């Protein structure tokens, strides 16, 4: 892949992932109970847990910050950003899978986390294999 095509590919990918992170984070920030329910949190917890909105909003703030970091990170520093994003995605997946094992979230949450982790891993591996000038 030529350097110009590689940089363009990175630019499109980082803007898509960054924008999606910001949109999801914003939805979670303003509608934490709805997003928790949509992602498979037990209905009784999604409706009534008093700590849930705070915890979801904390995750939302992190999502917004990581999305913004992806949007402003130039190609040469992109590798570090993708490493941090992959680490946080892995930790999120571990938390969801632990919650699934304890029956706190629906199976769709575990499946969705696995898909997101696989996509983030694919992106990180792909970007790391790119020429050093990216």
C-alpha atoms as a PDB file:
ATOM      1  CA  UNK A   1       0.000   0.000   0.000  1.00  0.00           C
ATOM      2  CA  UNK A   2       1.491   3.365  -0.972  1.00  0.00           C
ATOM      3  CA  UNK A   3       2.116   5.937   1.734  1.00  0.00           C
ATOM      4  CA  UNK A   4      -0.507   8.318   0.302  1.00  0.00           C
ATOM      5  CA  UNK A   5      -3.178   5.599   0.156  1.00  0.00           C
ATOM      6  CA  UNK A   6      -2.191   4.407   3.641  1.00  0.00           C
ATOM      7  CA  UNK A   7      -2.523   7.932   5.057  1.00  0.00           C
ATOM      8  CA  UNK A   8      -5.888   8.407   3.348  1.00  0.00           C
ATOM      9  CA  UNK A   9      -7.072   5.004   4.649  1.00  0.00           C
ATOM     10  CA  UNK A  10      -6.007   5.960   8.185  1.00  0.00           C
ATOM     11  CA  UNK A  11      -7.697   9.347   7.863  1.00  0.00           C
ATOM     12  CA  UNK A  12     -11.057   7.834   6.862  1.00  0.00           C
ATOM     13  CA  UNK A  13     -10.858   5.125   9.538  1.00  0.00           C
ATOM     14  CA  UNK A  14      -9.880   7.413  12.404  1.00  0.00           C
ATOM     15  CA  UNK A  15     -12.609   9.907  11.504  1.00  0.00           C
ATOM     16  CA  UNK A  16     -15.247   7.157  11.352  1.00  0.00           C
ATOM     17  CA  UNK A  17     -14.213   5.527  14.639  1.00  0.00           C
ATOM     18  CA  UNK A  18     -13.693   8.874  16.376  1.00  0.00           C
ATOM     19  CA  UNK A  19     -17.070  10.205  15.256  1.00  0.00           C
ATOM     20  CA  UNK A  20     -18.860   7.008  16.275  1.00  0.00           C
ATOM     21  CA  UNK A  21     -17.215   7.119  19.711  1.00  0.00           C
ATOM     22  CA  UNK A  22     -18.334  10.706  20.204  1.00  0.00           C
ATOM     23  CA  UNK A  23     -21.916   9.973  19.088  1.00  0.00           C
ATOM     24  CA  UNK A  24     -22.238   6.913  21.334  1.00  0.00           C
ATOM     25  CA  UNK A  25     -20.639   8.783  24.226  1.00  0.00           C
ATOM     26  CA  UNK A  26     -22.991  11.722  23.762  1.00  0.00           C
ATOM     27  CA  UNK A  27     -26.044   9.434  23.692  1.00  0.00           C
ATOM     28  CA  UNK A  28     -24.843   7.754  26.892  1.00  0.00           C
ATOM     29  CA  UNK A  29     -24.132  11.110  28.518  1.00  0.00           C
ATOM     30  CA  UNK A  30     -27.678  12.396  27.987  1.00  0.00           C
ATOM     31  CA  UNK A  31     -29.636   9.113  28.113  1.00  0.00           C
ATOM     32  CA  UNK A  32     -27.678   6.759  30.377  1.00  0.00           C
ATOM     33  CA  UNK A  33     -30.600   4.533  31.358  1.00  0.00           C
ATOM     34  CA  UNK A  34     -31.771   4.129  27.762  1.00  0.00           C
ATOM     35  CA  UNK A  35     -28.277   3.272  26.461  1.00  0.00           C
ATOM     36  CA  UNK A  36     -27.734   0.825  29.335  1.00  0.00           C
ATOM     37  CA  UNK A  37     -31.008  -0.931  28.532  1.00  0.00           C
ATOM     38  CA  UNK A  38     -30.242  -0.960  24.814  1.00  0.00           C
ATOM     39  CA  UNK A  39     -26.855  -2.540  25.515  1.00  0.00           C
ATOM     40  CA  UNK A  40     -28.379  -5.336  27.590  1.00  0.00           C
ATOM     41  CA  UNK A  41     -28.216  -4.256  31.227  1.00  0.00           C
ATOM     42  CA  UNK A  42     -30.904  -6.045  33.244  1.00  0.00           C
ATOM     43  CA  UNK A  43     -34.160  -4.069  32.897  1.00  0.00           C
ATOM     44  CA  UNK A  44     -34.587  -3.621  36.668  1.00  0.00           C
ATOM     45  CA  UNK A  45     -31.062  -2.195  36.968  1.00  0.00           C
ATOM     46  CA  UNK A  46     -31.394  -0.036  33.845  1.00  0.00           C
ATOM     47  CA  UNK A  47     -34.570   1.517  35.287  1.00  0.00           C
ATOM     48  CA  UNK A  48     -33.842   1.710  38.988  1.00  0.00           C
ATOM     49  CA  UNK A  49     -30.154   1.496  39.926  1.00  0.00           C
ATOM     50  CA  UNK A  50     -29.215   4.890  41.375  1.00  0.00           C
ATOM     51  CA  UNK A  51     -25.491   4.525  40.568  1.00  0.00           C
ATOM     52  CA  UNK A  52     -26.036   3.447  36.958  1.00  0.00           C
ATOM     53  CA  UNK A  53     -26.375   6.927  35.395  1.00  0.00           C
ATOM     54  CA  UNK A  54     -23.133   8.104  36.984  1.00  0.00           C
ATOM     55  CA  UNK A  55     -21.209   5.019  35.892  1.00  0.00           C
ATOM     56  CA  UNK A  56     -22.575   5.201  32.343  1.00  0.00           C
ATOM     57  CA  UNK A  57     -21.755   8.913  32.156  1.00  0.00           C
ATOM     58  CA  UNK A  58     -18.183   8.232  33.307  1.00  0.00           C
ATOM     59  CA  UNK A  59     -17.811   5.716  30.492  1.00  0.00           C
ATOM     60  CA  UNK A  60     -19.444   8.190  28.118  1.00  0.00           C
ATOM     61  CA  UNK A  61     -16.929  10.878  29.025  1.00  0.00           C
ATOM     62  CA  UNK A  62     -14.077   8.464  28.307  1.00  0.00           C
ATOM     63  CA  UNK A  63     -15.683   7.494  24.987  1.00  0.00           C
ATOM     64  CA  UNK A  64     -16.023  11.146  23.985  1.00  0.00           C
ATOM     65  CA  UNK A  65     -12.408  11.861  24.989  1.00  0.00           C
ATOM     66  CA  UNK A  66     -11.051   8.870  23.035  1.00  0.00           C
ATOM     67  CA  UNK A  67     -13.173   9.809  20.016  1.00  0.00           C
ATOM     68  CA  UNK A  68     -11.848  13.347  20.128  1.00  0.00           C
ATOM     69  CA  UNK A  69      -8.284  12.020  20.469  1.00  0.00           C
ATOM     70  CA  UNK A  70      -8.766   9.916  17.347  1.00  0.00           C
ATOM     71  CA  UNK A  71     -10.144  12.902  15.432  1.00  0.00           C
ATOM     72  CA  UNK A  72      -7.220  15.173  16.287  1.00  0.00           C
ATOM     73  CA  UNK A  73      -4.375  12.639  16.231  1.00  0.00           C
ATOM     74  CA  UNK A  74      -2.190  13.089  13.155  1.00  0.00           C
ATOM     75  CA  UNK A  75      -1.053   9.944  11.358  1.00  0.00           C
ATOM     76  CA  UNK A  76       2.461   9.779  12.889  1.00  0.00           C
ATOM     77  CA  UNK A  77       1.046   9.582  16.445  1.00  0.00           C
ATOM     78  CA  UNK A  78      -1.865   7.325  15.509  1.00  0.00           C
ATOM     79  CA  UNK A  79      -0.177   4.137  16.678  1.00  0.00           C
ATOM     80  CA  UNK A  80      -0.161   5.206  20.328  1.00  0.00           C
ATOM     81  CA  UNK A  81      -3.791   6.302  20.113  1.00  0.00           C
ATOM     82  CA  UNK A  82      -4.829   2.940  18.658  1.00  0.00           C
ATOM     83  CA  UNK A  83      -2.909   1.099  21.385  1.00  0.00           C
ATOM     84  CA  UNK A  84      -4.728   3.022  24.114  1.00  0.00           C
ATOM     85  CA  UNK A  85      -8.060   2.549  22.355  1.00  0.00           C
ATOM     86  CA  UNK A  86      -7.452  -1.194  22.058  1.00  0.00           C
ATOM     87  CA  UNK A  87      -6.474  -1.458  25.730  1.00  0.00           C
ATOM     88  CA  UNK A  88      -9.626   0.367  26.847  1.00  0.00           C
ATOM     89  CA  UNK A  89     -11.788  -1.719  24.501  1.00  0.00           C
ATOM     90  CA  UNK A  90     -10.269  -4.906  25.930  1.00  0.00           C
ATOM     91  CA  UNK A  91     -10.954  -3.742  29.480  1.00  0.00           C
ATOM     92  CA  UNK A  92     -14.536  -2.850  28.532  1.00  0.00           C
ATOM     93  CA  UNK A  93     -15.030  -6.310  26.998  1.00  0.00           C
ATOM     94  CA  UNK A  94     -13.625  -7.987  30.125  1.00  0.00           C
ATOM     95  CA  UNK A  95     -16.038  -6.002  32.306  1.00  0.00           C
ATOM     96  CA  UNK A  96     -18.995  -6.917  30.109  1.00  0.00           C
ATOM     97  CA  UNK A  97     -18.029 -10.604  29.972  1.00  0.00           C
ATOM     98  CA  UNK A  98     -17.656 -10.672  33.763  1.00  0.00           C
ATOM     99  CA  UNK A  99     -21.072  -9.036  34.118  1.00  0.00           C
ATOM    100  CA  UNK A 100     -22.518 -11.573  31.683  1.00  0.00           C
ATOM    101  CA  UNK A 101     -21.050 -14.455  33.710  1.00  0.00           C
ATOM    102  CA  UNK A 102     -22.788 -13.063  36.798  1.00  0.00           C
ATOM    103  CA  UNK A 103     -26.086 -12.601  34.937  1.00  0.00           C
ATOM    104  CA  UNK A 104     -26.109  -8.815  35.066  1.00  0.00           C
ATOM    105  CA  UNK A 105     -26.237  -8.208  31.303  1.00  0.00           C
ATOM    106  CA  UNK A 106     -27.853  -9.913  28.324  1.00  0.00           C
ATOM    107  CA  UNK A 107     -25.995 -12.253  25.992  1.00  0.00           C
ATOM    108  CA  UNK A 108     -26.200  -9.591  23.274  1.00  0.00           C
ATOM    109  CA  UNK A 109     -23.924  -7.376  25.393  1.00  0.00           C
ATOM    110  CA  UNK A 110     -21.232 -10.046  25.497  1.00  0.00           C
ATOM    111  CA  UNK A 111     -21.568 -10.680  21.767  1.00  0.00           C
ATOM    112  CA  UNK A 112     -21.443  -6.967  20.952  1.00  0.00           C
ATOM    113  CA  UNK A 113     -18.360  -6.505  23.137  1.00  0.00           C
ATOM    114  CA  UNK A 114     -16.668  -9.382  21.343  1.00  0.00           C
ATOM    115  CA  UNK A 115     -17.427  -7.839  17.961  1.00  0.00           C
ATOM    116  CA  UNK A 116     -16.169  -4.409  19.012  1.00  0.00           C
ATOM    117  CA  UNK A 117     -12.995  -5.930  20.486  1.00  0.00           C
ATOM    118  CA  UNK A 118     -12.388  -7.968  17.310  1.00  0.00           C
ATOM    119  CA  UNK A 119     -12.826  -4.888  15.105  1.00  0.00           C
ATOM    120  CA  UNK A 120     -10.573  -2.771  17.318  1.00  0.00           C
ATOM    121  CA  UNK A 121      -7.945  -5.524  17.294  1.00  0.00           C
ATOM    122  CA  UNK A 122      -8.155  -5.826  13.517  1.00  0.00           C
ATOM    123  CA  UNK A 123      -7.723  -2.064  13.153  1.00  0.00           C
ATOM    124  CA  UNK A 124      -4.781  -1.951  15.543  1.00  0.00           C
ATOM    125  CA  UNK A 125      -2.992  -4.823  13.806  1.00  0.00           C
ATOM    126  CA  UNK A 126      -3.641  -3.304  10.405  1.00  0.00           C
ATOM    127  CA  UNK A 127      -2.392   0.148  11.421  1.00  0.00           C
ATOM    128  CA  UNK A 128       0.692  -1.324  13.102  1.00  0.00           C
ATOM    129  CA  UNK A 129       1.610  -3.247   9.972  1.00  0.00           C
ATOM    130  CA  UNK A 130       1.477  -0.087   7.887  1.00  0.00           C
ATOM    131  CA  UNK A 131       4.668   1.701   6.793  1.00  0.00           C
ATOM    132  CA  UNK A 132       6.417   3.647   9.549  1.00  0.00           C
ATOM    133  CA  UNK A 133       5.533   7.000   7.958  1.00  0.00           C
ATOM    134  CA  UNK A 134       1.901   6.690   8.924  1.00  0.00           C
END
